[in-house]
Amino acid sequence: MANKTEEYKDYTKLEIEDKLRQLEEELFTLRVKIKAFKLDKPHRIKLTRRNIARLKTFLKQIELKENNGR
């Protein structure tokens, strides 16, 4: 399995924000499904939360680079 951080390194700020929005929507639907007992793979919630954290980290790194460039 490839390192997940390698996947996000080439993303632009807008791509990261878009992907982050998608993952947050996915997390919401997963939480709704688990409450309705319709989620077959509950570990996907944990994986989605980790991916959200990774994207937020990359977003913060980009913002810090932009601020240091001034």
PDB file of N, CA and C in Angstrom:
ATOM      1  N   MET A   1       0.843  -1.179   0.000  1.00  0.00           N
ATOM      2  CA  MET A   1       0.000   0.000   0.000  1.00  0.00           C
ATOM      3  C   MET A   1       0.884   1.236   0.000  1.00  0.00           C
ATOM      4  N   ALA A   2       0.587   2.152  -0.862  1.00  0.00           N
ATOM      5  CA  ALA A   2       1.382   3.371  -0.989  1.00  0.00           C
ATOM      6  C   ALA A   2       1.133   4.290   0.197  1.00  0.00           C
ATOM      7  N   ASN A   3       2.121   5.108   0.460  1.00  0.00           N
ATOM      8  CA  ASN A   3       2.005   6.078   1.541  1.00  0.00           C
ATOM      9  C   ASN A   3       0.954   7.116   1.166  1.00  0.00           C
ATOM     10  N   LYS A   4      -0.009   7.353   2.048  1.00  0.00           N
ATOM     11  CA  LYS A   4      -1.111   8.268   1.745  1.00  0.00           C
ATOM     12  C   LYS A   4      -0.635   9.708   1.589  1.00  0.00           C
ATOM     13  N   THR A   5       0.431  10.075   2.270  1.00  0.00           N
ATOM     14  CA  THR A   5       0.893  11.453   2.176  1.00  0.00           C
ATOM     15  C   THR A   5       1.459  11.752   0.797  1.00  0.00           C
ATOM     16  N   GLU A   6       2.009  10.761   0.137  1.00  0.00           N
ATOM     17  CA  GLU A   6       2.552  10.959  -1.206  1.00  0.00           C
ATOM     18  C   GLU A   6       1.445  11.346  -2.185  1.00  0.00           C
ATOM     19  N   GLU A   7       0.260  10.831  -1.943  1.00  0.00           N
ATOM     20  CA  GLU A   7      -0.874  11.103  -2.828  1.00  0.00           C
ATOM     21  C   GLU A   7      -1.255  12.583  -2.817  1.00  0.00           C
ATOM     22  N   TYR A   8      -1.115  13.246  -1.680  1.00  0.00           N
ATOM     23  CA  TYR A   8      -1.578  14.620  -1.527  1.00  0.00           C
ATOM     24  C   TYR A   8      -0.500  15.672  -1.765  1.00  0.00           C
ATOM     25  N   LYS A   9       0.739  15.283  -1.915  1.00  0.00           N
ATOM     26  CA  LYS A   9       1.826  16.257  -2.024  1.00  0.00           C
ATOM     27  C   LYS A   9       1.721  17.152  -3.250  1.00  0.00           C
ATOM     28  N   ASP A  10       1.180  16.645  -4.335  1.00  0.00           N
ATOM     29  CA  ASP A  10       1.123  17.411  -5.574  1.00  0.00           C
ATOM     30  C   ASP A  10      -0.178  18.195  -5.733  1.00  0.00           C
ATOM     31  N   TYR A  11      -1.041  18.149  -4.736  1.00  0.00           N
ATOM     32  CA  TYR A  11      -2.316  18.865  -4.806  1.00  0.00           C
ATOM     33  C   TYR A  11      -2.113  20.359  -4.599  1.00  0.00           C
ATOM     34  N   THR A  12      -2.921  21.157  -5.276  1.00  0.00           N
ATOM     35  CA  THR A  12      -2.921  22.596  -5.035  1.00  0.00           C
ATOM     36  C   THR A  12      -3.834  22.882  -3.843  1.00  0.00           C
ATOM     37  N   LYS A  13      -3.803  24.127  -3.396  1.00  0.00           N
ATOM     38  CA  LYS A  13      -4.621  24.510  -2.243  1.00  0.00           C
ATOM     39  C   LYS A  13      -6.106  24.290  -2.528  1.00  0.00           C
ATOM     40  N   LEU A  14      -6.548  24.653  -3.727  1.00  0.00           N
ATOM     41  CA  LEU A  14      -7.960  24.478  -4.083  1.00  0.00           C
ATOM     42  C   LEU A  14      -8.349  23.006  -4.168  1.00  0.00           C
ATOM     43  N   GLU A  15      -7.454  22.180  -4.687  1.00  0.00           N
ATOM     44  CA  GLU A  15      -7.731  20.749  -4.768  1.00  0.00           C
ATOM     45  C   GLU A  15      -7.839  20.138  -3.378  1.00  0.00           C
ATOM     46  N   ILE A  16      -6.976  20.569  -2.477  1.00  0.00           N
ATOM     47  CA  ILE A  16      -7.022  20.064  -1.103  1.00  0.00           C
ATOM     48  C   ILE A  16      -8.325  20.477  -0.434  1.00  0.00           C
ATOM     49  N   GLU A  17      -8.726  21.736  -0.613  1.00  0.00           N
ATOM     50  CA  GLU A  17      -9.974  22.204  -0.011  1.00  0.00           C
ATOM     51  C   GLU A  17     -11.171  21.444  -0.572  1.00  0.00           C
ATOM     52  N   ASP A  18     -11.154  21.165  -1.870  1.00  0.00           N
ATOM     53  CA  ASP A  18     -12.245  20.423  -2.494  1.00  0.00           C
ATOM     54  C   ASP A  18     -12.295  18.988  -1.968  1.00  0.00           C
ATOM     55  N   LYS A  19     -11.149  18.345  -1.902  1.00  0.00           N
ATOM     56  CA  LYS A  19     -11.075  16.974  -1.397  1.00  0.00           C
ATOM     57  C   LYS A  19     -11.487  16.923   0.074  1.00  0.00           C
ATOM     58  N   LEU A  20     -11.100  17.931   0.840  1.00  0.00           N
ATOM     59  CA  LEU A  20     -11.468  18.013   2.249  1.00  0.00           C
ATOM     60  C   LEU A  20     -12.985  18.107   2.403  1.00  0.00           C
ATOM     61  N   ARG A  21     -13.603  18.926   1.577  1.00  0.00           N
ATOM     62  CA  ARG A  21     -15.061  19.068   1.601  1.00  0.00           C
ATOM     63  C   ARG A  21     -15.737  17.732   1.268  1.00  0.00           C
ATOM     64  N   GLN A  22     -15.205  17.022   0.286  1.00  0.00           N
ATOM     65  CA  GLN A  22     -15.766  15.728  -0.094  1.00  0.00           C
ATOM     66  C   GLN A  22     -15.657  14.720   1.047  1.00  0.00           C
ATOM     67  N   LEU A  23     -14.497  14.699   1.698  1.00  0.00           N
ATOM     68  CA  LEU A  23     -14.300  13.752   2.790  1.00  0.00           C
ATOM     69  C   LEU A  23     -15.183  14.076   3.988  1.00  0.00           C
ATOM     70  N   GLU A  24     -15.399  15.354   4.258  1.00  0.00           N
ATOM     71  CA  GLU A  24     -16.277  15.727   5.365  1.00  0.00           C
ATOM     72  C   GLU A  24     -17.719  15.319   5.078  1.00  0.00           C
ATOM     73  N   GLU A  25     -18.143  15.445   3.826  1.00  0.00           N
ATOM     74  CA  GLU A  25     -19.479  14.985   3.448  1.00  0.00           C
ATOM     75  C   GLU A  25     -19.579  13.466   3.560  1.00  0.00           C
ATOM     76  N   GLU A  26     -18.525  12.779   3.151  1.00  0.00           N
ATOM     77  CA  GLU A  26     -18.501  11.323   3.251  1.00  0.00           C
ATOM     78  C   GLU A  26     -18.559  10.886   4.714  1.00  0.00           C
ATOM     79  N   LEU A  27     -17.828  11.569   5.572  1.00  0.00           N
ATOM     80  CA  LEU A  27     -17.840  11.250   6.995  1.00  0.00           C
ATOM     81  C   LEU A  27     -19.244  11.424   7.570  1.00  0.00           C
ATOM     82  N   PHE A  28     -19.919  12.479   7.162  1.00  0.00           N
ATOM     83  CA  PHE A  28     -21.293  12.705   7.625  1.00  0.00           C
ATOM     84  C   PHE A  28     -22.203  11.552   7.214  1.00  0.00           C
ATOM     85  N   THR A  29     -22.121  11.147   5.943  1.00  0.00           N
ATOM     86  CA  THR A  29     -22.981  10.056   5.477  1.00  0.00           C
ATOM     87  C   THR A  29     -22.633   8.743   6.171  1.00  0.00           C
ATOM     88  N   LEU A  30     -21.355   8.521   6.449  1.00  0.00           N
ATOM     89  CA  LEU A  30     -20.963   7.307   7.168  1.00  0.00           C
ATOM     90  C   LEU A  30     -21.540   7.303   8.576  1.00  0.00           C
ATOM     91  N   ARG A  31     -21.519   8.450   9.222  1.00  0.00           N
ATOM     92  CA  ARG A  31     -22.070   8.536  10.580  1.00  0.00           C
ATOM     93  C   ARG A  31     -23.577   8.313  10.582  1.00  0.00           C
ATOM     94  N   VAL A  32     -24.252   8.817   9.562  1.00  0.00           N
ATOM     95  CA  VAL A  32     -25.696   8.593   9.459  1.00  0.00           C
ATOM     96  C   VAL A  32     -25.977   7.111   9.234  1.00  0.00           C
ATOM     97  N   LYS A  33     -25.199   6.487   8.370  1.00  0.00           N
ATOM     98  CA  LYS A  33     -25.406   5.071   8.076  1.00  0.00           C
ATOM     99  C   LYS A  33     -25.143   4.195   9.291  1.00  0.00           C
ATOM    100  N   ILE A  34     -24.131   4.549  10.088  1.00  0.00           N
ATOM    101  CA  ILE A  34     -23.831   3.719  11.255  1.00  0.00           C
ATOM    102  C   ILE A  34     -24.948   3.824  12.286  1.00  0.00           C
ATOM    103  N   LYS A  35     -25.584   4.979  12.372  1.00  0.00           N
ATOM    104  CA  LYS A  35     -26.716   5.132  13.293  1.00  0.00           C
ATOM    105  C   LYS A  35     -27.927   4.340  12.811  1.00  0.00           C
ATOM    106  N   ALA A  36     -28.044   4.172  11.504  1.00  0.00           N
ATOM    107  CA  ALA A  36     -29.163   3.425  10.930  1.00  0.00           C
ATOM    108  C   ALA A  36     -28.824   1.940  10.762  1.00  0.00           C
ATOM    109  N   PHE A  37     -27.666   1.516  11.260  1.00  0.00           N
ATOM    110  CA  PHE A  37     -27.206   0.124  11.178  1.00  0.00           C
ATOM    111  C   PHE A  37     -27.091  -0.367   9.738  1.00  0.00           C
ATOM    112  N   LYS A  38     -26.702   0.516   8.832  1.00  0.00           N
ATOM    113  CA  LYS A  38     -26.564   0.143   7.427  1.00  0.00           C
ATOM    114  C   LYS A  38     -25.126   0.232   6.935  1.00  0.00           C
ATOM    115  N   LEU A  39     -24.185   0.400   7.844  1.00  0.00           N
ATOM    116  CA  LEU A  39     -22.786   0.532   7.449  1.00  0.00           C
ATOM    117  C   LEU A  39     -22.101  -0.822   7.576  1.00  0.00           C
ATOM    118  N   ASP A  40     -21.621  -1.342   6.449  1.00  0.00           N
ATOM    119  CA  ASP A  40     -20.988  -2.656   6.437  1.00  0.00           C
ATOM    120  C   ASP A  40     -19.557  -2.617   6.958  1.00  0.00           C
ATOM    121  N   LYS A  41     -18.868  -1.517   6.716  1.00  0.00           N
ATOM    122  CA  LYS A  41     -17.456  -1.414   7.085  1.00  0.00           C
ATOM    123  C   LYS A  41     -17.248  -0.202   7.990  1.00  0.00           C
ATOM    124  N   PRO A  42     -17.447  -0.361   9.288  1.00  0.00           N
ATOM    125  CA  PRO A  42     -17.337   0.786  10.196  1.00  0.00           C
ATOM    126  C   PRO A  42     -15.926   1.359  10.301  1.00  0.00           C
ATOM    127  N   HIS A  43     -14.917   0.602   9.906  1.00  0.00           N
ATOM    128  CA  HIS A  43     -13.547   1.121   9.956  1.00  0.00           C
ATOM    129  C   HIS A  43     -13.331   2.267   8.968  1.00  0.00           C
ATOM    130  N   ARG A  44     -14.237   2.419   8.007  1.00  0.00           N
ATOM    131  CA  ARG A  44     -14.114   3.516   7.039  1.00  0.00           C
ATOM    132  C   ARG A  44     -14.233   4.879   7.708  1.00  0.00           C
ATOM    133  N   ILE A  45     -14.945   4.946   8.841  1.00  0.00           N
ATOM    134  CA  ILE A  45     -15.052   6.206   9.576  1.00  0.00           C
ATOM    135  C   ILE A  45     -13.669   6.625  10.060  1.00  0.00           C
ATOM    136  N   LYS A  46     -12.934   5.684  10.630  1.00  0.00           N
ATOM    137  CA  LYS A  46     -11.588   5.973  11.131  1.00  0.00           C
ATOM    138  C   LYS A  46     -10.661   6.392   9.992  1.00  0.00           C
ATOM    139  N   LEU A  47     -10.729   5.689   8.882  1.00  0.00           N
ATOM    140  CA  LEU A  47      -9.879   6.014   7.737  1.00  0.00           C
ATOM    141  C   LEU A  47     -10.207   7.391   7.170  1.00  0.00           C
ATOM    142  N   THR A  48     -11.487   7.712   7.107  1.00  0.00           N
ATOM    143  CA  THR A  48     -11.908   9.014   6.589  1.00  0.00           C
ATOM    144  C   THR A  48     -11.434  10.130   7.508  1.00  0.00           C
ATOM    145  N   ARG A  49     -11.551   9.924   8.823  1.00  0.00           N
ATOM    146  CA  ARG A  49     -11.086  10.936   9.774  1.00  0.00           C
ATOM    147  C   ARG A  49      -9.580  11.163   9.639  1.00  0.00           C
ATOM    148  N   ARG A  50      -8.831  10.091   9.437  1.00  0.00           N
ATOM    149  CA  ARG A  50      -7.380  10.223   9.264  1.00  0.00           C
ATOM    150  C   ARG A  50      -7.039  10.982   7.985  1.00  0.00           C
ATOM    151  N   ASN A  51      -7.768  10.696   6.915  1.00  0.00           N
ATOM    152  CA  ASN A  51      -7.525  11.409   5.660  1.00  0.00           C
ATOM    153  C   ASN A  51      -7.861  12.888   5.789  1.00  0.00           C
ATOM    154  N   ILE A  52      -8.916  13.207   6.538  1.00  0.00           N
ATOM    155  CA  ILE A  52      -9.263  14.607   6.785  1.00  0.00           C
ATOM    156  C   ILE A  52      -8.130  15.290   7.540  1.00  0.00           C
ATOM    157  N   ALA A  53      -7.590  14.619   8.544  1.00  0.00           N
ATOM    158  CA  ALA A  53      -6.478  15.192   9.312  1.00  0.00           C
ATOM    159  C   ALA A  53      -5.250  15.402   8.432  1.00  0.00           C
ATOM    160  N   ARG A  54      -4.967  14.451   7.551  1.00  0.00           N
ATOM    161  CA  ARG A  54      -3.827  14.600   6.639  1.00  0.00           C
ATOM    162  C   ARG A  54      -4.003  15.821   5.739  1.00  0.00           C
ATOM    163  N   LEU A  55      -5.200  15.964   5.194  1.00  0.00           N
ATOM    164  CA  LEU A  55      -5.458  17.092   4.297  1.00  0.00           C
ATOM    165  C   LEU A  55      -5.375  18.420   5.035  1.00  0.00           C
ATOM    166  N   LYS A  56      -5.876  18.467   6.258  1.00  0.00           N
ATOM    167  CA  LYS A  56      -5.788  19.700   7.041  1.00  0.00           C
ATOM    168  C   LYS A  56      -4.337  20.041   7.345  1.00  0.00           C
ATOM    169  N   THR A  57      -3.512  19.023   7.564  1.00  0.00           N
ATOM    170  CA  THR A  57      -2.087  19.248   7.797  1.00  0.00           C
ATOM    171  C   THR A  57      -1.428  19.831   6.558  1.00  0.00           C
ATOM    172  N   PHE A  58      -1.714  19.251   5.396  1.00  0.00           N
ATOM    173  CA  PHE A  58      -1.143  19.780   4.157  1.00  0.00           C
ATOM    174  C   PHE A  58      -1.629  21.193   3.877  1.00  0.00           C
ATOM    175  N   LEU A  59      -2.895  21.465   4.162  1.00  0.00           N
ATOM    176  CA  LEU A  59      -3.448  22.801   3.965  1.00  0.00           C
ATOM    177  C   LEU A  59      -2.735  23.808   4.860  1.00  0.00           C
ATOM    178  N   LYS A  60      -2.480  23.436   6.099  1.00  0.00           N
ATOM    179  CA  LYS A  60      -1.783  24.319   7.035  1.00  0.00           C
ATOM    180  C   LYS A  60      -0.343  24.560   6.567  1.00  0.00           C
ATOM    181  N   GLN A  61       0.320  23.537   6.058  1.00  0.00           N
ATOM    182  CA  GLN A  61       1.683  23.697   5.554  1.00  0.00           C
ATOM    183  C   GLN A  61       1.717  24.666   4.381  1.00  0.00           C
ATOM    184  N   ILE A  62       0.756  24.573   3.493  1.00  0.00           N
ATOM    185  CA  ILE A  62       0.690  25.485   2.349  1.00  0.00           C
ATOM    186  C   ILE A  62       0.477  26.910   2.823  1.00  0.00           C
ATOM    187  N   GLU A  63      -0.429  27.099   3.790  1.00  0.00           N
ATOM    188  CA  GLU A  63      -0.693  28.441   4.316  1.00  0.00           C
ATOM    189  C   GLU A  63       0.545  29.022   4.989  1.00  0.00           C
ATOM    190  N   LEU A  64       1.288  28.201   5.718  1.00  0.00           N
ATOM    191  CA  LEU A  64       2.508  28.683   6.368  1.00  0.00           C
ATOM    192  C   LEU A  64       3.566  29.072   5.343  1.00  0.00           C
ATOM    193  N   LYS A  65       3.679  28.303   4.265  1.00  0.00           N
ATOM    194  CA  LYS A  65       4.630  28.647   3.210  1.00  0.00           C
ATOM    195  C   LYS A  65       4.259  29.971   2.557  1.00  0.00           C
ATOM    196  N   GLU A  66       2.954  30.181   2.342  1.00  0.00           N
ATOM    197  CA  GLU A  66       2.505  31.435   1.729  1.00  0.00           C
ATOM    198  C   GLU A  66       2.788  32.621   2.640  1.00  0.00           C
ATOM    199  N   ASN A  67       2.581  32.466   3.929  1.00  0.00           N
ATOM    200  CA  ASN A  67       2.814  33.559   4.873  1.00  0.00           C
ATOM    201  C   ASN A  67       4.296  33.846   5.065  1.00  0.00           C
ATOM    202  N   ASN A  68       5.129  32.828   4.994  1.00  0.00           N
ATOM    203  CA  ASN A  68       6.572  33.034   5.130  1.00  0.00           C
ATOM    204  C   ASN A  68       7.168  33.655   3.879  1.00  0.00           C
ATOM    205  N   GLY A  69       6.495  33.515   2.762  1.00  0.00           N
ATOM    206  CA  GLY A  69       6.983  34.068   1.507  1.00  0.00           C
ATOM    207  C   GLY A  69       6.800  35.561   1.389  1.00  0.00           C
ATOM    208  N   ARG A  70       6.068  36.162   2.292  1.00  0.00           N
ATOM    209  CA  ARG A  70       5.809  37.603   2.213  1.00  0.00           C
ATOM    210  C   ARG A  70       7.009  38.402   2.569  1.00  0.00           C
TER     211      ARG A  70
END
